[in-house]
Amino acid sequence: MADYEIVAVRQAGGNMRTHHVDAVQVGTSLFLVDQIIDWISDGTHRFWVHFGNEEVDVIVRQNESSGQPYLTTKGGGFPPVILLTLPRA
């Protein structure tokens, strides 16, 4: 399993008020959230973000109302507050 830092996010539809992230940037590459969800769920890769002075794991959770998977951080929920503090891709 390889570890990767998520350095930026792209929000769905370009609407800065939405809480939905549709892609993340790792290095200089942009990946759709569905691909990241698959890699995390399969145990293929680990993703994390810098928050303060810590590495915080990015995890997959299910939205209670829709049942759809989404990315958040360990200890976080919806909206994915820590991910939303990252720069925009």
N, C-alpha and C. Protein backbone atom coordinates (compact mmCIF):
# COMPACT_ATOMS: atom_id res chain seq x y z
N MET A 1 0.85 -1.18 0.00
CA MET A 1 0.00 0.00 0.00
C MET A 1 0.89 1.24 0.00
N ALA A 2 0.61 2.15 -0.92
CA ALA A 2 1.36 3.40 -0.98
C ALA A 2 0.57 4.51 -0.27
N ASP A 3 1.29 5.47 0.27
CA ASP A 3 0.69 6.61 0.97
C ASP A 3 0.81 7.85 0.10
N TYR A 4 -0.28 8.64 0.05
CA TYR A 4 -0.29 9.85 -0.76
C TYR A 4 -0.93 10.99 0.01
N GLU A 5 -0.35 12.18 -0.15
CA GLU A 5 -0.92 13.37 0.46
C GLU A 5 -1.87 14.06 -0.52
N ILE A 6 -3.06 14.37 -0.07
CA ILE A 6 -4.00 15.18 -0.84
C ILE A 6 -3.67 16.63 -0.55
N VAL A 7 -3.39 17.39 -1.62
CA VAL A 7 -2.92 18.77 -1.44
C VAL A 7 -3.96 19.82 -1.82
N ALA A 8 -5.02 19.41 -2.54
CA ALA A 8 -6.06 20.36 -2.95
C ALA A 8 -7.32 19.57 -3.30
N VAL A 9 -8.45 20.27 -3.36
CA VAL A 9 -9.72 19.64 -3.72
C VAL A 9 -10.41 20.46 -4.80
N ARG A 10 -11.26 19.79 -5.56
CA ARG A 10 -12.15 20.47 -6.50
C ARG A 10 -13.57 20.18 -6.05
N GLN A 11 -14.34 21.23 -5.86
CA GLN A 11 -15.71 21.05 -5.41
C GLN A 11 -16.64 20.84 -6.58
N ALA A 12 -17.71 20.07 -6.36
CA ALA A 12 -18.67 19.73 -7.40
C ALA A 12 -19.29 20.97 -8.01
N GLY A 13 -19.30 21.01 -9.32
CA GLY A 13 -19.97 22.07 -10.05
C GLY A 13 -19.35 23.44 -9.91
N GLY A 14 -18.21 23.53 -9.26
CA GLY A 14 -17.56 24.81 -9.09
C GLY A 14 -18.27 25.73 -8.10
N ASN A 15 -19.29 25.23 -7.43
CA ASN A 15 -20.04 26.03 -6.46
C ASN A 15 -19.30 26.00 -5.14
N MET A 16 -18.74 27.11 -4.72
CA MET A 16 -17.93 27.15 -3.51
C MET A 16 -18.76 26.97 -2.24
N ARG A 17 -20.10 27.02 -2.35
CA ARG A 17 -20.93 26.84 -1.16
C ARG A 17 -21.32 25.39 -0.94
N THR A 18 -21.04 24.53 -1.89
CA THR A 18 -21.40 23.13 -1.72
C THR A 18 -20.39 22.44 -0.81
N HIS A 19 -20.83 21.38 -0.17
CA HIS A 19 -19.96 20.61 0.70
C HIS A 19 -19.43 19.37 -0.02
N HIS A 20 -19.69 19.26 -1.30
CA HIS A 20 -19.32 18.06 -2.04
C HIS A 20 -18.01 18.27 -2.79
N VAL A 21 -17.09 17.36 -2.57
CA VAL A 21 -15.80 17.35 -3.26
C VAL A 21 -15.92 16.32 -4.37
N ASP A 22 -15.60 16.70 -5.61
CA ASP A 22 -15.70 15.71 -6.69
C ASP A 22 -14.35 15.23 -7.21
N ALA A 23 -13.26 15.92 -6.82
CA ALA A 23 -11.92 15.48 -7.22
C ALA A 23 -10.91 15.99 -6.20
N VAL A 24 -9.79 15.29 -6.13
CA VAL A 24 -8.71 15.70 -5.23
C VAL A 24 -7.40 15.72 -6.01
N GLN A 25 -6.50 16.58 -5.57
CA GLN A 25 -5.19 16.68 -6.20
C GLN A 25 -4.16 15.99 -5.33
N VAL A 26 -3.40 15.10 -5.95
CA VAL A 26 -2.28 14.41 -5.31
C VAL A 26 -1.05 14.75 -6.15
N GLY A 27 -0.10 15.46 -5.55
CA GLY A 27 1.02 15.96 -6.35
C GLY A 27 0.48 16.92 -7.38
N THR A 28 0.77 16.64 -8.66
CA THR A 28 0.25 17.50 -9.73
C THR A 28 -0.91 16.84 -10.47
N SER A 29 -1.35 15.67 -10.00
CA SER A 29 -2.42 14.93 -10.68
C SER A 29 -3.75 15.12 -9.97
N LEU A 30 -4.82 15.21 -10.76
CA LEU A 30 -6.17 15.34 -10.24
C LEU A 30 -6.90 14.01 -10.44
N PHE A 31 -7.51 13.50 -9.38
CA PHE A 31 -8.24 12.23 -9.42
C PHE A 31 -9.68 12.44 -8.99
N LEU A 32 -10.61 11.80 -9.69
CA LEU A 32 -12.00 11.85 -9.27
C LEU A 32 -12.17 11.15 -7.93
N VAL A 33 -13.08 11.66 -7.13
CA VAL A 33 -13.31 11.11 -5.80
C VAL A 33 -13.69 9.63 -5.86
N ASP A 34 -14.46 9.23 -6.88
CA ASP A 34 -14.85 7.82 -6.99
C ASP A 34 -13.63 6.90 -7.07
N GLN A 35 -12.59 7.33 -7.76
CA GLN A 35 -11.37 6.52 -7.85
C GLN A 35 -10.67 6.44 -6.50
N ILE A 36 -10.60 7.56 -5.79
CA ILE A 36 -9.98 7.57 -4.46
C ILE A 36 -10.76 6.69 -3.50
N ILE A 37 -12.09 6.78 -3.56
CA ILE A 37 -12.94 5.93 -2.70
C ILE A 37 -12.66 4.46 -2.97
N ASP A 38 -12.57 4.08 -4.25
CA ASP A 38 -12.27 2.68 -4.58
C ASP A 38 -10.92 2.26 -4.03
N TRP A 39 -9.88 3.10 -4.19
CA TRP A 39 -8.55 2.75 -3.71
C TRP A 39 -8.51 2.62 -2.19
N ILE A 40 -9.19 3.51 -1.49
CA ILE A 40 -9.22 3.41 -0.02
C ILE A 40 -10.01 2.18 0.41
N SER A 41 -11.17 1.96 -0.20
CA SER A 41 -12.02 0.82 0.18
C SER A 41 -11.34 -0.51 -0.09
N ASP A 42 -10.58 -0.58 -1.19
CA ASP A 42 -9.88 -1.82 -1.55
C ASP A 42 -8.58 -2.01 -0.77
N GLY A 43 -8.15 -0.98 -0.03
CA GLY A 43 -6.89 -1.06 0.68
C GLY A 43 -5.68 -0.90 -0.24
N THR A 44 -5.91 -0.40 -1.46
CA THR A 44 -4.83 -0.23 -2.43
C THR A 44 -3.88 0.88 -2.03
N HIS A 45 -4.44 2.01 -1.58
CA HIS A 45 -3.64 3.17 -1.21
C HIS A 45 -4.19 3.81 0.06
N ARG A 46 -3.34 4.55 0.74
CA ARG A 46 -3.73 5.36 1.90
C ARG A 46 -3.55 6.81 1.50
N PHE A 47 -4.52 7.65 1.86
CA PHE A 47 -4.45 9.07 1.58
C PHE A 47 -4.55 9.83 2.89
N TRP A 48 -3.88 10.99 2.93
CA TRP A 48 -3.86 11.80 4.15
C TRP A 48 -3.73 13.26 3.77
N VAL A 49 -4.01 14.12 4.74
CA VAL A 49 -3.84 15.56 4.58
C VAL A 49 -3.05 16.10 5.76
N HIS A 50 -2.34 17.20 5.54
CA HIS A 50 -1.70 17.92 6.64
C HIS A 50 -2.76 18.83 7.26
N PHE A 51 -2.92 18.75 8.56
CA PHE A 51 -3.84 19.65 9.27
C PHE A 51 -3.13 20.05 10.55
N GLY A 52 -2.79 21.32 10.64
CA GLY A 52 -1.95 21.75 11.75
C GLY A 52 -0.59 21.11 11.57
N ASN A 53 -0.11 20.45 12.60
CA ASN A 53 1.17 19.77 12.54
C ASN A 53 1.01 18.26 12.43
N GLU A 54 -0.16 17.80 12.02
CA GLU A 54 -0.43 16.37 11.99
C GLU A 54 -0.79 15.88 10.60
N GLU A 55 -0.57 14.58 10.37
CA GLU A 55 -1.09 13.87 9.21
C GLU A 55 -2.42 13.27 9.64
N VAL A 56 -3.48 13.60 8.92
CA VAL A 56 -4.80 13.07 9.25
C VAL A 56 -5.24 12.18 8.10
N ASP A 57 -5.62 10.93 8.42
CA ASP A 57 -6.05 9.99 7.39
C ASP A 57 -7.34 10.43 6.73
N VAL A 58 -7.41 10.24 5.42
CA VAL A 58 -8.64 10.43 4.67
C VAL A 58 -9.33 9.06 4.63
N ILE A 59 -10.62 9.05 4.95
CA ILE A 59 -11.39 7.81 5.02
C ILE A 59 -12.66 7.94 4.20
N VAL A 60 -13.35 6.81 4.03
CA VAL A 60 -14.63 6.77 3.31
C VAL A 60 -15.74 6.55 4.32
N ARG A 61 -16.79 7.35 4.19
CA ARG A 61 -18.00 7.17 5.00
C ARG A 61 -19.20 7.16 4.06
N GLN A 62 -20.34 6.68 4.58
CA GLN A 62 -21.59 6.67 3.84
C GLN A 62 -22.48 7.82 4.31
N ASN A 63 -23.03 8.58 3.38
CA ASN A 63 -23.97 9.62 3.71
C ASN A 63 -25.24 8.96 4.26
N GLU A 64 -25.67 9.39 5.44
CA GLU A 64 -26.82 8.74 6.08
C GLU A 64 -28.11 8.88 5.28
N SER A 65 -28.32 10.00 4.64
CA SER A 65 -29.58 10.18 3.93
C SER A 65 -29.57 9.57 2.53
N SER A 66 -28.45 9.69 1.81
CA SER A 66 -28.41 9.20 0.43
C SER A 66 -27.79 7.81 0.30
N GLY A 67 -26.99 7.42 1.29
CA GLY A 67 -26.28 6.15 1.20
C GLY A 67 -25.04 6.19 0.33
N GLN A 68 -24.75 7.36 -0.25
CA GLN A 68 -23.60 7.49 -1.14
C GLN A 68 -22.31 7.61 -0.33
N PRO A 69 -21.23 6.98 -0.80
CA PRO A 69 -19.95 7.14 -0.12
C PRO A 69 -19.36 8.52 -0.38
N TYR A 70 -18.61 9.02 0.57
CA TYR A 70 -17.92 10.30 0.42
C TYR A 70 -16.61 10.26 1.19
N LEU A 71 -15.72 11.17 0.86
CA LEU A 71 -14.44 11.28 1.56
C LEU A 71 -14.56 12.25 2.72
N THR A 72 -13.94 11.91 3.82
CA THR A 72 -13.80 12.80 4.96
C THR A 72 -12.50 12.42 5.64
N THR A 73 -12.24 12.99 6.79
CA THR A 73 -11.03 12.65 7.52
C THR A 73 -11.38 11.87 8.76
N LYS A 74 -10.41 11.09 9.24
CA LYS A 74 -10.62 10.29 10.45
C LYS A 74 -11.07 11.21 11.57
N GLY A 75 -12.16 10.85 12.20
CA GLY A 75 -12.73 11.67 13.26
C GLY A 75 -13.68 12.73 12.73
N GLY A 76 -13.78 12.85 11.41
CA GLY A 76 -14.65 13.86 10.80
C GLY A 76 -15.93 13.23 10.30
N GLY A 77 -16.78 14.04 9.73
CA GLY A 77 -18.05 13.58 9.19
C GLY A 77 -18.40 14.39 7.96
N PHE A 78 -19.71 14.66 7.83
CA PHE A 78 -20.18 15.46 6.70
C PHE A 78 -20.73 16.76 7.25
N PRO A 79 -20.34 17.89 6.72
CA PRO A 79 -19.42 18.07 5.59
C PRO A 79 -17.97 17.78 5.98
N PRO A 80 -17.15 17.44 5.01
CA PRO A 80 -15.75 17.11 5.27
C PRO A 80 -14.92 18.37 5.52
N VAL A 81 -15.04 18.92 6.71
CA VAL A 81 -14.50 20.24 7.04
C VAL A 81 -13.01 20.35 6.75
N ILE A 82 -12.21 19.39 7.17
CA ILE A 82 -10.76 19.49 6.96
C ILE A 82 -10.43 19.49 5.47
N LEU A 83 -11.07 18.63 4.69
CA LEU A 83 -10.81 18.61 3.25
C LEU A 83 -11.20 19.95 2.62
N LEU A 84 -12.26 20.55 3.10
CA LEU A 84 -12.73 21.81 2.53
C LEU A 84 -11.83 22.99 2.87
N THR A 85 -10.90 22.81 3.81
CA THR A 85 -9.94 23.88 4.12
C THR A 85 -8.74 23.86 3.18
N LEU A 86 -8.61 22.80 2.39
CA LEU A 86 -7.47 22.70 1.45
C LEU A 86 -7.64 23.68 0.30
N PRO A 87 -6.54 24.04 -0.35
CA PRO A 87 -6.63 24.91 -1.54
C PRO A 87 -7.51 24.26 -2.60
N ARG A 88 -8.02 25.07 -3.52
CA ARG A 88 -8.83 24.57 -4.62
C ARG A 88 -7.96 24.18 -5.80
N ALA A 89 -8.33 23.06 -6.40
CA ALA A 89 -7.60 22.55 -7.57
C ALA A 89 -8.19 23.13 -8.83
